[in-house]
Each structure stands twice: as C-alpha cells, then as structure tokens.
N, C-alpha and C. Protein backbone atom coordinates (compact mmCIF):
# COMPACT_ATOMS: atom_id res chain seq x y z
N UNK A 1 185.02 148.79 57.60
CA UNK A 1 185.39 147.87 56.17
C UNK A 1 183.94 147.06 56.57
N UNK A 2 183.21 146.98 55.30
CA UNK A 2 182.18 146.14 54.79
C UNK A 2 182.67 144.77 54.80
N UNK A 3 181.87 143.87 54.74
CA UNK A 3 181.88 142.45 54.53
C UNK A 3 180.68 142.03 53.57
N UNK A 4 180.97 141.28 52.57
CA UNK A 4 180.02 140.60 51.60
C UNK A 4 180.28 139.07 51.53
N UNK A 5 179.26 138.51 51.88
CA UNK A 5 179.25 136.75 52.08
C UNK A 5 178.10 136.65 51.06
N UNK A 6 178.36 135.32 50.41
CA UNK A 6 177.13 134.87 49.50
C UNK A 6 177.04 133.31 49.56
N UNK A 7 175.98 132.87 49.47
CA UNK A 7 175.73 131.34 49.35
C UNK A 7 174.77 131.04 48.61
N UNK A 8 174.84 129.74 47.47
CA UNK A 8 173.93 129.46 46.55
C UNK A 8 173.87 128.06 46.99
N UNK A 9 172.71 127.51 47.44
CA UNK A 9 172.34 125.90 47.65
C UNK A 9 171.12 125.86 47.30
N UNK A 10 170.67 124.63 47.88
CA UNK A 10 169.45 123.66 47.52
C UNK A 10 167.96 124.89 47.99
N UNK A 11 168.26 125.63 48.86
CA UNK A 11 167.11 126.43 49.43
C UNK A 11 167.12 127.68 48.60
N UNK A 12 168.35 128.29 48.05
CA UNK A 12 168.37 129.28 46.98
C UNK A 12 169.59 130.34 47.44
N UNK A 13 169.52 131.20 46.97
CA UNK A 13 170.70 132.01 47.05
C UNK A 13 170.33 133.20 48.36
N UNK A 14 171.25 133.51 48.63
CA UNK A 14 171.36 134.58 49.73
C UNK A 14 172.66 135.55 50.20
N UNK A 15 172.79 136.71 50.07
CA UNK A 15 173.70 137.68 50.63
C UNK A 15 174.02 138.22 51.76
N UNK A 16 174.95 138.23 52.52
CA UNK A 16 175.10 138.93 53.72
C UNK A 16 175.96 139.92 53.62
N UNK A 17 175.43 141.30 53.70
CA UNK A 17 176.14 142.45 53.72
C UNK A 17 176.42 143.02 55.35
N UNK A 18 177.64 143.09 55.67
CA UNK A 18 177.94 143.52 57.16
C UNK A 18 178.84 144.44 57.37
N UNK A 19 178.60 145.25 58.45
CA UNK A 19 179.81 146.12 58.74
C UNK A 19 179.60 147.07 60.04
N UNK A 20 180.20 147.77 60.84
CA UNK A 20 179.78 148.43 62.14
C UNK A 20 178.89 149.52 61.56
N UNK A 21 177.86 149.94 62.56
CA UNK A 21 176.84 150.97 62.15
C UNK A 21 177.48 152.18 61.46
N UNK A 22 178.58 152.45 61.76
CA UNK A 22 179.20 153.53 60.85
C UNK A 22 179.57 153.34 59.54
N UNK A 23 180.09 152.02 59.27
CA UNK A 23 180.21 151.45 57.76
C UNK A 23 178.99 151.64 57.33
N UNK A 24 177.93 150.96 57.73
CA UNK A 24 176.49 150.93 57.18
C UNK A 24 176.10 152.30 56.91
N UNK A 25 176.19 153.35 57.88
CA UNK A 25 175.77 154.55 57.38
C UNK A 25 176.74 155.37 56.19
N UNK A 26 177.70 154.93 56.32
CA UNK A 26 178.71 155.51 55.26
C UNK A 26 178.25 154.90 53.70
N UNK A 27 177.63 153.66 53.64
CA UNK A 27 176.88 152.97 52.65
C UNK A 27 175.67 154.07 52.23
N UNK A 28 175.04 154.25 53.16
CA UNK A 28 173.96 155.25 53.11
C UNK A 28 174.17 156.42 52.39
N UNK A 29 175.25 156.98 53.18
CA UNK A 29 175.66 158.33 52.83
C UNK A 29 176.21 158.35 51.21
N UNK A 30 177.04 157.43 50.76
CA UNK A 30 177.23 157.09 49.52
C UNK A 30 176.20 157.07 48.46
N UNK A 31 174.75 156.34 48.73
CA UNK A 31 173.90 156.30 48.01
C UNK A 31 173.27 157.57 47.66
N UNK A 32 173.13 158.35 48.61
CA UNK A 32 172.48 159.45 48.51
C UNK A 32 173.50 160.44 48.12
N UNK A 33 174.96 160.42 48.17
CA UNK A 33 175.47 161.52 47.19
C UNK A 33 175.34 160.83 45.65
N UNK A 34 175.08 159.54 45.50
CA UNK A 34 175.18 158.92 44.07
C UNK A 34 173.92 159.97 43.23
N UNK A 35 172.71 159.88 43.96
CA UNK A 35 171.47 160.06 43.57
C UNK A 35 171.85 161.42 43.38
N UNK A 36 172.41 162.44 44.04
CA UNK A 36 172.39 163.99 43.59
C UNK A 36 173.62 164.39 42.40
N UNK A 37 174.43 163.10 42.35
CA UNK A 37 175.49 163.26 41.20
C UNK A 37 175.06 163.31 39.83
N UNK A 38 176.06 163.48 38.89
CA UNK A 38 175.76 162.93 37.43
C UNK A 38 175.94 161.20 37.33
N UNK A 39 176.94 160.85 38.25
CA UNK A 39 177.58 159.27 38.15
C UNK A 39 176.20 158.60 37.91
N UNK A 40 176.43 157.36 37.35
CA UNK A 40 175.62 156.49 37.06
C UNK A 40 175.60 155.30 38.23
N UNK A 41 176.81 154.99 38.67
CA UNK A 41 177.12 153.99 39.59
C UNK A 41 178.36 154.28 40.49
N UNK A 42 178.29 153.58 42.02
CA UNK A 42 179.14 153.80 42.81
C UNK A 42 179.81 152.35 43.07
N UNK A 43 180.99 152.26 43.41
CA UNK A 43 181.71 150.83 43.74
C UNK A 43 182.42 151.37 45.36
N UNK A 44 181.98 150.34 46.13
CA UNK A 44 182.31 150.47 47.49
C UNK A 44 183.10 149.07 47.55
N UNK A 45 184.09 149.19 47.94
CA UNK A 45 185.23 148.04 48.02
C UNK A 45 184.82 147.32 49.58
N UNK A 46 184.86 146.15 49.40
CA UNK A 46 184.61 145.03 50.80
C UNK A 46 186.19 144.33 51.15
N UNK A 47 185.80 143.80 52.27
CA UNK A 47 187.39 143.17 52.81
C UNK A 47 186.95 141.71 52.63
N UNK A 48 187.89 140.80 52.28
CA UNK A 48 187.49 139.52 52.50
C UNK A 48 187.73 139.20 53.64
N UNK A 49 186.87 138.00 54.02
CA UNK A 49 187.11 137.63 55.37
C UNK A 49 186.55 135.80 55.39
N UNK A 50 186.65 135.09 56.24
CA UNK A 50 186.21 133.97 56.71
C UNK A 50 184.79 133.89 55.93
N UNK A 51 184.14 133.37 55.15
CA UNK A 51 183.00 133.39 54.62
C UNK A 51 181.83 132.77 55.55
N UNK A 52 182.42 131.45 56.56
CA UNK A 52 181.46 130.80 57.16
C UNK A 52 180.50 131.78 57.95
N UNK A 53 179.29 131.38 58.05
CA UNK A 53 178.68 129.90 57.45
C UNK A 53 178.06 130.25 55.88
N UNK A 54 178.68 131.05 55.08
CA UNK A 54 178.32 131.21 53.92
C UNK A 54 179.58 130.67 53.04
N UNK A 55 179.26 130.38 51.55
CA UNK A 55 180.21 129.75 50.67
C UNK A 55 181.55 130.52 50.39
N UNK A 56 181.12 131.78 50.02
CA UNK A 56 182.09 132.67 49.52
C UNK A 56 181.81 134.33 50.03
N UNK A 57 182.83 134.89 49.12
CA UNK A 57 182.97 136.52 49.68
C UNK A 57 182.98 137.15 48.45
N UNK A 58 182.26 138.29 48.42
CA UNK A 58 181.93 139.02 47.07
C UNK A 58 183.25 140.16 47.52
N UNK A 59 183.77 141.02 46.66
CA UNK A 59 184.94 141.89 46.74
C UNK A 59 184.67 143.45 46.69
N UNK A 60 183.12 143.67 46.36
CA UNK A 60 182.64 145.10 46.09
C UNK A 60 181.14 145.01 46.27
N UNK A 61 180.73 146.36 46.55
CA UNK A 61 179.35 146.79 46.21
C UNK A 61 179.14 147.69 45.32
N UNK A 62 178.11 147.42 44.07
CA UNK A 62 177.93 148.33 43.28
C UNK A 62 176.66 148.87 43.18
N UNK A 63 176.22 150.11 43.51
CA UNK A 63 175.23 150.59 43.71
C UNK A 63 175.03 151.52 42.15
N UNK A 64 173.87 151.21 41.35
CA UNK A 64 173.78 151.57 39.99
C UNK A 64 172.14 152.42 39.65
N UNK A 65 172.33 153.13 39.23
CA UNK A 65 170.96 154.05 39.06
C UNK A 65 170.44 153.40 37.61
N UNK A 66 168.83 153.07 37.67
CA UNK A 66 168.48 152.32 36.59
C UNK A 66 166.86 152.86 36.51
N UNK A 67 166.42 152.31 35.59
CA UNK A 67 164.83 152.74 35.49
C UNK A 67 164.09 151.54 35.92
N UNK A 68 164.64 150.21 36.51
CA UNK A 68 163.88 149.58 37.11
C UNK A 68 163.30 149.34 38.62
N UNK A 69 162.73 148.52 39.38
CA UNK A 69 162.39 148.09 40.54
C UNK A 69 163.75 147.84 41.31
N UNK A 70 164.13 148.18 42.42
CA UNK A 70 165.34 147.50 42.95
C UNK A 70 165.68 146.39 43.02
N UNK A 71 166.97 146.06 42.66
CA UNK A 71 167.08 144.63 42.27
C UNK A 71 168.36 144.31 42.85
N UNK A 72 168.40 143.20 43.92
CA UNK A 72 170.03 142.76 44.34
C UNK A 72 170.48 141.56 43.24
N UNK A 73 171.60 141.68 43.06
CA UNK A 73 172.10 140.62 42.26
C UNK A 73 173.33 140.20 42.12
N UNK A 74 174.29 139.30 41.72
CA UNK A 74 175.51 139.25 41.64
C UNK A 74 176.10 139.54 40.15
N UNK A 75 177.16 140.29 39.95
CA UNK A 75 177.62 140.70 39.10
C UNK A 75 179.15 140.23 39.30
N UNK A 76 179.57 139.26 38.31
CA UNK A 76 181.03 138.78 38.49
C UNK A 76 181.16 138.58 39.93
N UNK A 77 182.26 139.15 40.73
CA UNK A 77 182.55 139.22 42.31
C UNK A 77 182.02 140.12 43.31
N UNK A 78 180.98 140.77 42.40
CA UNK A 78 180.26 141.97 43.51
C UNK A 78 178.86 141.89 43.60
N UNK A 79 178.24 142.43 44.62
CA UNK A 79 176.77 142.71 44.94
C UNK A 79 176.60 143.84 44.22
N UNK A 80 175.68 143.70 43.21
CA UNK A 80 174.94 144.73 42.77
C UNK A 80 173.81 144.93 42.87
N UNK A 81 173.28 146.15 43.14
CA UNK A 81 171.89 146.57 43.68
C UNK A 81 171.55 148.10 42.43
N UNK A 82 170.63 147.69 42.10
CA UNK A 82 170.12 148.75 40.96
C UNK A 82 168.71 149.12 41.28
N UNK A 83 168.55 150.51 41.01
CA UNK A 83 166.87 150.77 40.89
C UNK A 83 166.95 152.37 40.73
N UNK A 84 165.66 152.86 40.48
CA UNK A 84 165.26 154.29 40.21
C UNK A 84 165.67 155.38 41.51
N UNK A 85 165.89 156.30 40.97
CA UNK A 85 166.30 157.46 42.19
C UNK A 85 165.36 157.24 43.29
N UNK A 86 164.21 157.26 43.07
CA UNK A 86 163.20 157.26 44.28
C UNK A 86 163.54 155.95 45.03
N UNK A 87 163.54 154.91 44.56
CA UNK A 87 164.03 153.65 44.87
C UNK A 87 165.15 153.43 45.75
N UNK A 88 166.03 153.87 45.16
CA UNK A 88 167.48 153.87 45.70
C UNK A 88 167.29 154.83 47.22
N UNK A 89 166.46 155.90 47.17
CA UNK A 89 166.44 156.81 48.25
C UNK A 89 165.97 156.11 49.43
N UNK A 90 164.88 155.44 49.09
CA UNK A 90 164.16 154.70 50.26
C UNK A 90 165.12 153.50 50.76
N UNK A 91 165.87 153.02 49.73
CA UNK A 91 166.56 151.65 50.22
C UNK A 91 168.03 152.35 50.97
N UNK A 92 168.36 153.33 50.83
CA UNK A 92 169.54 153.72 51.46
C UNK A 92 168.95 154.09 53.09
N UNK A 93 167.83 154.33 53.46
CA UNK A 93 167.30 154.01 54.60
C UNK A 93 167.36 152.78 55.74
N UNK A 94 167.68 151.68 54.46
CA UNK A 94 168.19 150.48 55.20
C UNK A 94 169.54 150.28 55.65
N UNK A 95 170.31 151.44 55.64
CA UNK A 95 171.48 151.20 56.19
C UNK A 95 171.71 152.13 57.14
N UNK A 96 170.56 152.83 58.03
CA UNK A 96 170.72 153.94 59.26
C UNK A 96 170.69 153.04 60.34
N UNK A 97 172.29 152.94 60.99
CA UNK A 97 172.01 152.29 62.27
C UNK A 97 172.71 152.81 62.90
N UNK A 98 172.07 153.31 64.14
CA UNK A 98 172.73 154.06 65.24
C UNK A 98 174.04 153.40 65.70
N UNK A 99 174.79 153.98 66.62
CA UNK A 99 175.75 153.48 67.07
C UNK A 99 175.81 152.27 68.04
N UNK A 100 174.52 152.52 68.83
CA UNK A 100 174.11 151.64 69.84
C UNK A 100 173.68 150.35 69.38
N UNK A 101 173.30 150.16 67.79
CA UNK A 101 172.83 148.91 67.55
C UNK A 101 173.81 148.03 67.69
N UNK A 102 173.54 146.85 68.57
CA UNK A 102 173.81 145.44 68.86
C UNK A 102 174.48 144.73 67.66
N UNK A 103 175.68 144.01 68.11
CA UNK A 103 176.26 143.18 67.01
C UNK A 103 175.25 142.14 66.71
N UNK A 104 175.13 141.78 65.54
CA UNK A 104 174.16 140.57 65.25
C UNK A 104 172.74 141.16 64.79
N UNK A 105 172.49 142.42 65.16
CA UNK A 105 171.18 142.86 64.60
C UNK A 105 171.40 142.84 62.93
N UNK A 106 170.03 142.30 62.32
CA UNK A 106 169.98 142.62 61.17
C UNK A 106 168.67 142.87 60.22
N UNK A 107 168.45 143.05 59.08
CA UNK A 107 167.38 143.17 58.18
C UNK A 107 167.22 142.30 57.13
N UNK A 108 166.22 141.64 56.80
CA UNK A 108 165.97 141.11 55.48
C UNK A 108 165.41 141.90 54.47
N UNK A 109 166.36 142.22 53.24
CA UNK A 109 165.46 143.00 52.47
C UNK A 109 165.41 141.96 51.07
N UNK A 110 164.03 141.66 50.55
CA UNK A 110 164.14 140.44 49.42
C UNK A 110 162.69 141.01 49.25
N UNK A 111 162.35 140.11 47.99
CA UNK A 111 161.01 140.27 47.18
C UNK A 111 159.95 139.56 48.09
N UNK A 112 158.69 140.04 48.14
CA UNK A 112 157.41 138.94 48.60
C UNK A 112 156.37 139.54 47.36
N UNK A 113 155.75 138.65 47.05
CA UNK A 113 154.38 138.55 46.22
C UNK A 113 153.87 139.83 46.81
N UNK A 114 153.30 140.62 45.73
CA UNK A 114 152.67 141.98 45.53
C UNK A 114 153.95 143.10 45.73
N UNK A 115 154.96 142.90 46.08
CA UNK A 115 155.84 144.06 46.40
C UNK A 115 156.26 144.71 44.95
N UNK A 116 155.86 145.74 44.80
CA UNK A 116 156.19 146.48 43.71
C UNK A 116 157.38 147.29 43.54
N UNK A 117 157.87 147.48 44.80
CA UNK A 117 159.36 148.09 44.84
C UNK A 117 160.52 147.22 44.38
N UNK A 118 160.40 146.04 44.72
CA UNK A 118 161.51 145.16 44.56
C UNK A 118 161.25 143.88 43.50
N UNK A 119 162.41 143.96 42.46
CA UNK A 119 161.98 142.88 41.56
C UNK A 119 161.93 141.49 42.15
N UNK A 120 160.97 140.61 41.14
CA UNK A 120 161.02 139.31 41.69
C UNK A 120 161.88 138.68 41.63
N UNK A 121 163.03 139.19 40.81
CA UNK A 121 164.69 138.25 40.71
C UNK A 121 165.56 138.54 41.64
N UNK A 122 165.09 139.37 42.24
CA UNK A 122 166.14 140.14 43.42
C UNK A 122 166.66 138.70 44.54
N UNK A 123 167.81 138.91 44.47
CA UNK A 123 168.17 137.76 45.59
C UNK A 123 168.38 138.48 47.07
N UNK A 124 167.54 137.54 48.08
CA UNK A 124 167.59 137.73 49.20
C UNK A 124 168.91 138.64 49.65
N UNK A 125 168.89 139.55 50.36
CA UNK A 125 169.84 140.18 51.09
C UNK A 125 169.58 140.47 52.64
N UNK A 126 170.88 140.04 53.38
CA UNK A 126 170.94 140.48 55.18
C UNK A 126 171.84 141.40 55.24
N UNK A 127 171.22 142.52 55.92
CA UNK A 127 172.17 143.80 56.22
C UNK A 127 172.26 143.52 57.72
N UNK A 128 173.49 143.15 57.90
CA UNK A 128 173.81 142.72 59.35
C UNK A 128 174.88 143.75 60.12
N UNK A 129 174.40 144.16 61.60
CA UNK A 129 175.71 144.63 61.90
C UNK A 129 176.59 144.02 62.82
N UNK A 130 178.05 144.29 62.73
CA UNK A 130 178.69 143.20 63.08
C UNK A 130 179.74 143.95 64.60
C-alpha cells in the first residue's frame, strides 16, 4: 500500500509518495494501463500513516490524461498528476524499482528552469522506497 505525505512551509511545498518496490511498480503498471484505455483518469488509494516529518497525509493518487505538461498538484486531499499520454508514459518510468532497491532510496521529480516536460507550477515530488 502506498503512503502520500505533504508539507507546506516557508521553504515551499513538497509531497512524498512512498511504497515497497512492488507497490511503486504497481503504480507504473496502472499508468501504462490508463494510457491504453478510454478512461481519462485512475485513482489509487493510499494508507494514512504518521505523516512525520511531513505535516499531513493525502488519501489518494489521481493520474489524469490532459493536454498539458506534467503537473504535480494537490486536489482536495489527493495527489493529482496530469499530463499528455507521451509525458505520462515517461513519468511511469519513475516508478520502476527492482525488488533489491533498499528502503530509503528515493528520486526527486520537480520542475527546473528550461524543463519543457514539467509545468513550472508543479509541486516537488519525492518518490521513495520504504
């Protein structure tokens, strides 16, 4: 089961999405299946846990097809990620962790100047193995 934690402080906002390697690969597979379907979005439920060192937990992950650059945002109490089919396909690769990946390993997915794939308003996302 995945966990999604969120903080918003004077340094900015950050979201942490974590799970076992198998949980994270399952998200990858769900994104790839969405791209092949007529559906516009998928919803993956998250477990609520102690949010520390973050401020709170989010209850779900929404992946949505759109005509924009990849954008990570909050939508009510959910983590919402939207983008074009091509960009979502590339984004799915961020969840491809082998079973031997050690707990604590993580990737940062965020906008940087000149990045045409990620929307400048995107909230920084940390994808981590638990």
